[in-house]
PDB file of N, CA and C in Angstrom:
ATOM      1  N   MET A   1     -72.211   7.817  44.615  1.00  0.00           N
ATOM      2  CA  MET A   1     -71.669   8.921  44.056  1.00  0.00           C
ATOM      3  C   MET A   1     -72.524   9.282  42.798  1.00  0.00           C
ATOM      4  N   PRO A   2     -72.491  10.677  42.641  1.00  0.00           N
ATOM      5  CA  PRO A   2     -73.591  11.038  41.498  1.00  0.00           C
ATOM      6  C   PRO A   2     -73.005  10.754  40.077  1.00  0.00           C
ATOM      7  N   GLU A   3     -73.761  10.908  39.224  1.00  0.00           N
ATOM      8  CA  GLU A   3     -73.656  10.408  37.896  1.00  0.00           C
ATOM      9  C   GLU A   3     -72.468  11.170  37.218  1.00  0.00           C
ATOM     10  N   ASN A   4     -72.384  12.555  37.654  1.00  0.00           N
ATOM     11  CA  ASN A   4     -71.259  13.394  37.059  1.00  0.00           C
ATOM     12  C   ASN A   4     -69.829  12.879  37.577  1.00  0.00           C
ATOM     13  N   GLY A   5     -69.915  12.365  38.792  1.00  0.00           N
ATOM     14  CA  GLY A   5     -68.550  11.981  39.368  1.00  0.00           C
ATOM     15  C   GLY A   5     -68.156  10.603  38.712  1.00  0.00           C
ATOM     16  N   ARG A   6     -69.055   9.654  38.333  1.00  0.00           N
ATOM     17  CA  ARG A   6     -68.778   8.545  37.721  1.00  0.00           C
ATOM     18  C   ARG A   6     -68.252   8.885  36.274  1.00  0.00           C
ATOM     19  N   PHE A   7     -68.902   9.752  35.557  1.00  0.00           N
ATOM     20  CA  PHE A   7     -68.475  10.204  34.224  1.00  0.00           C
ATOM     21  C   PHE A   7     -67.125  10.645  34.282  1.00  0.00           C
ATOM     22  N   GLY A   8     -66.793  11.604  35.394  1.00  0.00           N
ATOM     23  CA  GLY A   8     -65.556  12.119  35.582  1.00  0.00           C
ATOM     24  C   GLY A   8     -64.423  11.125  35.707  1.00  0.00           C
ATOM     25  N   TRP A   9     -64.644  10.133  36.459  1.00  0.00           N
ATOM     26  CA  TRP A   9     -63.685   9.004  36.584  1.00  0.00           C
ATOM     27  C   TRP A   9     -63.330   8.252  35.426  1.00  0.00           C
ATOM     28  N   LEU A  10     -64.600   8.092  34.616  1.00  0.00           N
ATOM     29  CA  LEU A  10     -64.309   7.348  33.347  1.00  0.00           C
ATOM     30  C   LEU A  10     -63.598   8.263  32.219  1.00  0.00           C
ATOM     31  N   LEU A  11     -63.773   9.547  32.335  1.00  0.00           N
ATOM     32  CA  LEU A  11     -62.994  10.388  31.494  1.00  0.00           C
ATOM     33  C   LEU A  11     -61.489  10.291  32.047  1.00  0.00           C
ATOM     34  N   LEU A  12     -61.223  10.485  33.221  1.00  0.00           N
ATOM     35  CA  LEU A  12     -59.905  10.260  33.852  1.00  0.00           C
ATOM     36  C   LEU A  12     -59.124   8.993  33.377  1.00  0.00           C
ATOM     37  N   MET A  13     -59.837   7.931  33.678  1.00  0.00           N
ATOM     38  CA  MET A  13     -59.303   6.649  33.186  1.00  0.00           C
ATOM     39  C   MET A  13     -58.911   6.628  31.744  1.00  0.00           C
ATOM     40  N   VAL A  14     -59.904   7.008  30.905  1.00  0.00           N
ATOM     41  CA  VAL A  14     -59.667   7.110  29.417  1.00  0.00           C
ATOM     42  C   VAL A  14     -58.482   7.952  29.109  1.00  0.00           C
ATOM     43  N   GLY A  15     -58.504   9.112  29.696  1.00  0.00           N
ATOM     44  CA  GLY A  15     -57.220  10.153  29.518  1.00  0.00           C
ATOM     45  C   GLY A  15     -55.864   9.434  29.853  1.00  0.00           C
ATOM     46  N   LEU A  16     -55.884   8.750  31.097  1.00  0.00           N
ATOM     47  CA  LEU A  16     -54.742   8.141  31.503  1.00  0.00           C
ATOM     48  C   LEU A  16     -54.316   6.971  30.619  1.00  0.00           C
ATOM     49  N   SER A  17     -55.172   6.216  30.305  1.00  0.00           N
ATOM     50  CA  SER A  17     -54.897   5.180  29.243  1.00  0.00           C
ATOM     51  C   SER A  17     -54.390   5.656  28.008  1.00  0.00           C
ATOM     52  N   LEU A  18     -54.797   6.753  27.488  1.00  0.00           N
ATOM     53  CA  LEU A  18     -54.390   7.318  26.269  1.00  0.00           C
ATOM     54  C   LEU A  18     -52.985   7.982  26.486  1.00  0.00           C
ATOM     55  N   VAL A  19     -52.629   8.384  27.654  1.00  0.00           N
ATOM     56  CA  VAL A  19     -51.406   8.999  27.878  1.00  0.00           C
ATOM     57  C   VAL A  19     -50.371   7.882  27.938  1.00  0.00           C
ATOM     58  N   LEU A  20     -50.774   6.733  28.670  1.00  0.00           N
ATOM     59  CA  LEU A  20     -49.881   5.630  28.717  1.00  0.00           C
ATOM     60  C   LEU A  20     -49.619   4.893  27.449  1.00  0.00           C
ATOM     61  N   THR A  21     -50.671   4.948  26.571  1.00  0.00           N
ATOM     62  CA  THR A  21     -50.481   4.442  25.323  1.00  0.00           C
ATOM     63  C   THR A  21     -49.514   5.244  24.449  1.00  0.00           C
ATOM     64  N   GLY A  22     -49.686   6.605  24.625  1.00  0.00           N
ATOM     65  CA  GLY A  22     -48.765   7.471  23.847  1.00  0.00           C
ATOM     66  C   GLY A  22     -47.364   7.343  24.285  1.00  0.00           C
ATOM     67  N   LEU A  23     -46.996   7.239  25.606  1.00  0.00           N
ATOM     68  CA  LEU A  23     -45.724   7.090  26.060  1.00  0.00           C
ATOM     69  C   LEU A  23     -45.210   5.743  25.544  1.00  0.00           C
ATOM     70  N   LEU A  24     -45.921   4.578  25.603  1.00  0.00           N
ATOM     71  CA  LEU A  24     -45.449   3.432  25.109  1.00  0.00           C
ATOM     72  C   LEU A  24     -45.122   3.645  23.759  1.00  0.00           C
ATOM     73  N   TRP A  25     -46.102   4.230  22.760  1.00  0.00           N
ATOM     74  CA  TRP A  25     -45.659   4.584  21.494  1.00  0.00           C
ATOM     75  C   TRP A  25     -44.510   5.184  21.224  1.00  0.00           C
ATOM     76  N   VAL A  26     -44.208   6.236  21.886  1.00  0.00           N
ATOM     77  CA  VAL A  26     -42.987   7.056  21.757  1.00  0.00           C
ATOM     78  C   VAL A  26     -41.764   6.382  22.275  1.00  0.00           C
ATOM     79  N   PHE A  27     -41.780   5.761  23.567  1.00  0.00           N
ATOM     80  CA  PHE A  27     -40.593   5.122  24.107  1.00  0.00           C
ATOM     81  C   PHE A  27     -40.469   3.667  23.877  1.00  0.00           C
ATOM     82  N   GLY A  28     -41.606   2.999  23.190  1.00  0.00           N
ATOM     83  CA  GLY A  28     -41.443   1.626  22.864  1.00  0.00           C
ATOM     84  C   GLY A  28     -40.216   1.235  22.130  1.00  0.00           C
ATOM     85  N   PRO A  29     -40.012   2.010  21.098  1.00  0.00           N
ATOM     86  CA  PRO A  29     -38.685   1.430  20.248  1.00  0.00           C
ATOM     87  C   PRO A  29     -37.352   1.495  20.931  1.00  0.00           C
ATOM     88  N   SER A  30     -37.417   2.217  21.976  1.00  0.00           N
ATOM     89  CA  SER A  30     -36.027   2.413  22.917  1.00  0.00           C
ATOM     90  C   SER A  30     -35.989   1.324  23.740  1.00  0.00           C
ATOM     91  N   ILE A  31     -37.084   0.347  23.920  1.00  0.00           N
ATOM     92  CA  ILE A  31     -36.886  -0.730  24.956  1.00  0.00           C
ATOM     93  C   ILE A  31     -36.659  -1.873  23.873  1.00  0.00           C
ATOM     94  N   PRO A  32     -35.504  -2.495  24.012  1.00  0.00           N
ATOM     95  CA  PRO A  32     -34.962  -3.438  22.997  1.00  0.00           C
ATOM     96  C   PRO A  32     -35.594  -4.778  23.058  1.00  0.00           C
ATOM     97  N   TRP A  33     -36.053  -5.191  24.219  1.00  0.00           N
ATOM     98  CA  TRP A  33     -36.907  -6.602  24.461  1.00  0.00           C
ATOM     99  C   TRP A  33     -38.322  -6.488  24.048  1.00  0.00           C
ATOM    100  N   LEU A  34     -38.931  -5.222  24.086  1.00  0.00           N
ATOM    101  CA  LEU A  34     -40.243  -5.213  23.799  1.00  0.00           C
ATOM    102  C   LEU A  34     -40.523  -5.599  22.342  1.00  0.00           C
ATOM    103  N   GLY A  35     -41.277  -6.705  22.062  1.00  0.00           N
ATOM    104  CA  GLY A  35     -41.529  -7.286  20.736  1.00  0.00           C
ATOM    105  C   GLY A  35     -40.575  -8.180  20.306  1.00  0.00           C
ATOM    106  N   ARG A  36     -39.532  -8.545  21.147  1.00  0.00           N
ATOM    107  CA  ARG A  36     -38.636  -9.761  20.653  1.00  0.00           C
ATOM    108  C   ARG A  36     -38.538 -10.785  21.831  1.00  0.00           C
ATOM    109  N   LEU A  37     -39.552 -10.948  22.546  1.00  0.00           N
ATOM    110  CA  LEU A  37     -39.589 -11.821  23.632  1.00  0.00           C
ATOM    111  C   LEU A  37     -39.540 -13.368  23.248  1.00  0.00           C
ATOM    112  N   PRO A  38     -38.989 -14.201  23.851  1.00  0.00           N
ATOM    113  CA  PRO A  38     -39.260 -15.791  23.417  1.00  0.00           C
ATOM    114  C   PRO A  38     -40.740 -15.967  23.454  1.00  0.00           C
ATOM    115  N   GLY A  39     -41.348 -16.659  22.468  1.00  0.00           N
ATOM    116  CA  GLY A  39     -42.708 -16.868  22.168  1.00  0.00           C
ATOM    117  C   GLY A  39     -43.361 -15.979  21.191  1.00  0.00           C
ATOM    118  N   ASP A  40     -42.653 -14.849  20.809  1.00  0.00           N
ATOM    119  CA  ASP A  40     -43.136 -14.014  19.692  1.00  0.00           C
ATOM    120  C   ASP A  40     -42.886 -14.848  18.393  1.00  0.00           C
ATOM    121  N   ILE A  41     -43.744 -14.845  17.483  1.00  0.00           N
ATOM    122  CA  ILE A  41     -43.651 -15.703  16.297  1.00  0.00           C
ATOM    123  C   ILE A  41     -43.242 -14.826  15.154  1.00  0.00           C
ATOM    124  N   ARG A  42     -42.121 -14.998  14.419  1.00  0.00           N
ATOM    125  CA  ARG A  42     -41.713 -14.207  13.310  1.00  0.00           C
ATOM    126  C   ARG A  42     -41.266 -15.063  12.342  1.00  0.00           C
ATOM    127  N   VAL A  43     -41.992 -14.885  11.081  1.00  0.00           N
ATOM    128  CA  VAL A  43     -41.796 -15.738   9.838  1.00  0.00           C
ATOM    129  C   VAL A  43     -41.412 -14.793   8.837  1.00  0.00           C
ATOM    130  N   GLU A  44     -40.373 -14.871   8.289  1.00  0.00           N
ATOM    131  CA  GLU A  44     -39.854 -14.098   7.118  1.00  0.00           C
ATOM    132  C   GLU A  44     -39.425 -14.793   5.749  1.00  0.00           C
ATOM    133  N   GLY A  45     -40.087 -14.383   4.824  1.00  0.00           N
ATOM    134  CA  GLY A  45     -39.737 -15.178   3.420  1.00  0.00           C
ATOM    135  C   GLY A  45     -39.383 -14.131   2.396  1.00  0.00           C
ATOM    136  N   PRO A  46     -39.136 -14.605   1.250  1.00  0.00           N
ATOM    137  CA  PRO A  46     -38.794 -13.580   0.217  1.00  0.00           C
ATOM    138  C   PRO A  46     -39.782 -12.562  -0.137  1.00  0.00           C
ATOM    139  N   ARG A  47     -41.080 -12.902   0.030  1.00  0.00           N
ATOM    140  CA  ARG A  47     -42.053 -11.997  -0.356  1.00  0.00           C
ATOM    141  C   ARG A  47     -43.193 -11.863   0.847  1.00  0.00           C
ATOM    142  N   VAL A  48     -42.944 -12.702   1.902  1.00  0.00           N
ATOM    143  CA  VAL A  48     -43.899 -12.503   3.134  1.00  0.00           C
ATOM    144  C   VAL A  48     -43.157 -12.238   4.323  1.00  0.00           C
ATOM    145  N   ARG A  49     -43.878 -11.383   5.286  1.00  0.00           N
ATOM    146  CA  ARG A  49     -43.261 -11.108   6.529  1.00  0.00           C
ATOM    147  C   ARG A  49     -44.399 -11.296   7.481  1.00  0.00           C
ATOM    148  N   LEU A  50     -44.377 -12.243   8.473  1.00  0.00           N
ATOM    149  CA  LEU A  50     -45.421 -12.363   9.341  1.00  0.00           C
ATOM    150  C   LEU A  50     -44.870 -12.201  10.850  1.00  0.00           C
ATOM    151  N   TYR A  51     -45.669 -11.618  11.482  1.00  0.00           N
ATOM    152  CA  TYR A  51     -44.998 -11.361  12.984  1.00  0.00           C
ATOM    153  C   TYR A  51     -46.331 -11.317  13.834  1.00  0.00           C
ATOM    154  N   VAL A  52     -46.315 -12.194  14.973  1.00  0.00           N
ATOM    155  CA  VAL A  52     -47.274 -12.454  15.804  1.00  0.00           C
ATOM    156  C   VAL A  52     -46.760 -12.248  17.221  1.00  0.00           C
ATOM    157  N   PRO A  53     -46.862 -11.092  17.987  1.00  0.00           N
ATOM    158  CA  PRO A  53     -46.221 -10.811  19.231  1.00  0.00           C
ATOM    159  C   PRO A  53     -46.921 -11.531  20.395  1.00  0.00           C
ATOM    160  N   LEU A  54     -47.074 -12.874  20.553  1.00  0.00           N
ATOM    161  CA  LEU A  54     -48.009 -13.506  21.540  1.00  0.00           C
ATOM    162  C   LEU A  54     -47.343 -13.117  22.900  1.00  0.00           C
ATOM    163  N   MET A  55     -46.212 -13.377  23.263  1.00  0.00           N
ATOM    164  CA  MET A  55     -45.728 -13.121  24.506  1.00  0.00           C
ATOM    165  C   MET A  55     -45.740 -11.731  24.919  1.00  0.00           C
ATOM    166  N   THR A  56     -45.654 -10.823  23.996  1.00  0.00           N
ATOM    167  CA  THR A  56     -45.575  -9.429  24.316  1.00  0.00           C
ATOM    168  C   THR A  56     -46.991  -8.987  24.565  1.00  0.00           C
ATOM    169  N   CYS A  57     -48.037  -9.533  23.893  1.00  0.00           N
ATOM    170  CA  CYS A  57     -49.388  -9.213  24.241  1.00  0.00           C
ATOM    171  C   CYS A  57     -49.692  -9.773  25.530  1.00  0.00           C
ATOM    172  N   LEU A  58     -49.236 -10.917  26.005  1.00  0.00           N
ATOM    173  CA  LEU A  58     -49.569 -11.591  27.125  1.00  0.00           C
ATOM    174  C   LEU A  58     -48.977 -10.794  28.334  1.00  0.00           C
ATOM    175  N   LEU A  59     -47.774 -10.319  28.124  1.00  0.00           N
ATOM    176  CA  LEU A  59     -47.097  -9.547  29.092  1.00  0.00           C
ATOM    177  C   LEU A  59     -47.886  -8.199  29.265  1.00  0.00           C
ATOM    178  N   LEU A  60     -48.207  -7.539  28.307  1.00  0.00           N
ATOM    179  CA  LEU A  60     -48.913  -6.224  28.278  1.00  0.00           C
ATOM    180  C   LEU A  60     -50.211  -6.368  29.101  1.00  0.00           C
ATOM    181  N   SER A  61     -50.956  -7.493  28.791  1.00  0.00           N
ATOM    182  CA  SER A  61     -52.261  -7.770  29.246  1.00  0.00           C
ATOM    183  C   SER A  61     -52.224  -7.996  30.824  1.00  0.00           C
ATOM    184  N   VAL A  62     -51.065  -8.830  31.305  1.00  0.00           N
ATOM    185  CA  VAL A  62     -50.814  -9.041  32.686  1.00  0.00           C
ATOM    186  C   VAL A  62     -50.677  -7.533  33.358  1.00  0.00           C
ATOM    187  N   VAL A  63     -49.706  -6.825  32.865  1.00  0.00           N
ATOM    188  CA  VAL A  63     -49.323  -5.412  33.449  1.00  0.00           C
ATOM    189  C   VAL A  63     -50.707  -4.640  33.476  1.00  0.00           C
ATOM    190  N   LEU A  64     -51.364  -4.558  32.419  1.00  0.00           N
ATOM    191  CA  LEU A  64     -52.504  -3.589  32.459  1.00  0.00           C
ATOM    192  C   LEU A  64     -53.579  -4.312  33.379  1.00  0.00           C
ATOM    193  N   THR A  65     -53.790  -5.604  33.397  1.00  0.00           N
ATOM    194  CA  THR A  65     -54.715  -6.038  34.462  1.00  0.00           C
ATOM    195  C   THR A  65     -54.339  -5.779  35.866  1.00  0.00           C
ATOM    196  N   LEU A  66     -53.154  -5.867  36.230  1.00  0.00           N
ATOM    197  CA  LEU A  66     -52.599  -5.459  37.546  1.00  0.00           C
ATOM    198  C   LEU A  66     -52.756  -4.076  37.726  1.00  0.00           C
ATOM    199  N   ILE A  67     -52.550  -3.140  36.843  1.00  0.00           N
ATOM    200  CA  ILE A  67     -52.746  -1.769  37.003  1.00  0.00           C
ATOM    201  C   ILE A  67     -54.169  -1.422  37.358  1.00  0.00           C
ATOM    202  N   LEU A  68     -55.090  -1.998  36.481  1.00  0.00           N
ATOM    203  CA  LEU A  68     -56.526  -1.774  36.662  1.00  0.00           C
ATOM    204  C   LEU A  68     -57.064  -2.239  38.001  1.00  0.00           C
ATOM    205  N   TRP A  69     -56.507  -3.559  38.463  1.00  0.00           N
ATOM    206  CA  TRP A  69     -56.885  -4.191  39.682  1.00  0.00           C
ATOM    207  C   TRP A  69     -56.441  -3.248  40.755  1.00  0.00           C
ATOM    208  N   ILE A  70     -55.329  -2.647  40.813  1.00  0.00           N
ATOM    209  CA  ILE A  70     -54.787  -1.801  41.830  1.00  0.00           C
ATOM    210  C   ILE A  70     -55.593  -0.467  41.829  1.00  0.00           C
ATOM    211  N   ALA A  71     -56.017   0.101  40.759  1.00  0.00           N
ATOM    212  CA  ALA A  71     -56.871   1.309  40.491  1.00  0.00           C
ATOM    213  C   ALA A  71     -58.159   0.904  41.177  1.00  0.00           C
ATOM    214  N   ARG A  72     -58.585  -0.188  40.976  1.00  0.00           N
ATOM    215  CA  ARG A  72     -60.101  -0.491  41.528  1.00  0.00           C
ATOM    216  C   ARG A  72     -60.015  -0.676  43.040  1.00  0.00           C
ATOM    217  N   GLN A  73     -58.840  -1.251  43.542  1.00  0.00           N
ATOM    218  CA  GLN A  73     -58.785  -1.314  44.849  1.00  0.00           C
ATOM    219  C   GLN A  73     -58.807  -0.100  45.754  1.00  0.00           C
ATOM    220  N   PHE A  74     -58.063   0.910  45.156  1.00  0.00           N
ATOM    221  CA  PHE A  74     -58.039   2.292  45.581  1.00  0.00           C
ATOM    222  C   PHE A  74     -59.303   3.107  45.523  1.00  0.00           C
ATOM    223  N   ARG A  75     -60.061   2.720  44.457  1.00  0.00           N
ATOM    224  CA  ARG A  75     -61.372   3.434  44.222  1.00  0.00           C
ATOM    225  C   ARG A  75     -62.310   3.012  45.361  1.00  0.00           C
ATOM    226  N   GLY A  76     -62.265   1.793  45.735  1.00  0.00           N
ATOM    227  CA  GLY A  76     -63.296   1.480  46.850  1.00  0.00           C
ATOM    228  C   GLY A  76     -64.122   0.453  46.468  1.00  0.00           C
TER     229      GLY A  76
END
């Protein structure tokens, strides 16, 4: 594949990832379980609030890995 074709695919993937990130940003608050999974750490004190979304990050990582793996399989 010529260099222009590879650069085009790269721009397409970056654009699609930006669109998916934007959709998640807009519709994420309407998904009630996102960010409140078992395994997400939340510590709230009188002056300190700490939130570490471990399971949410793990779930998103698995989903994005599967999407990229499927895209790679179709690409050849």
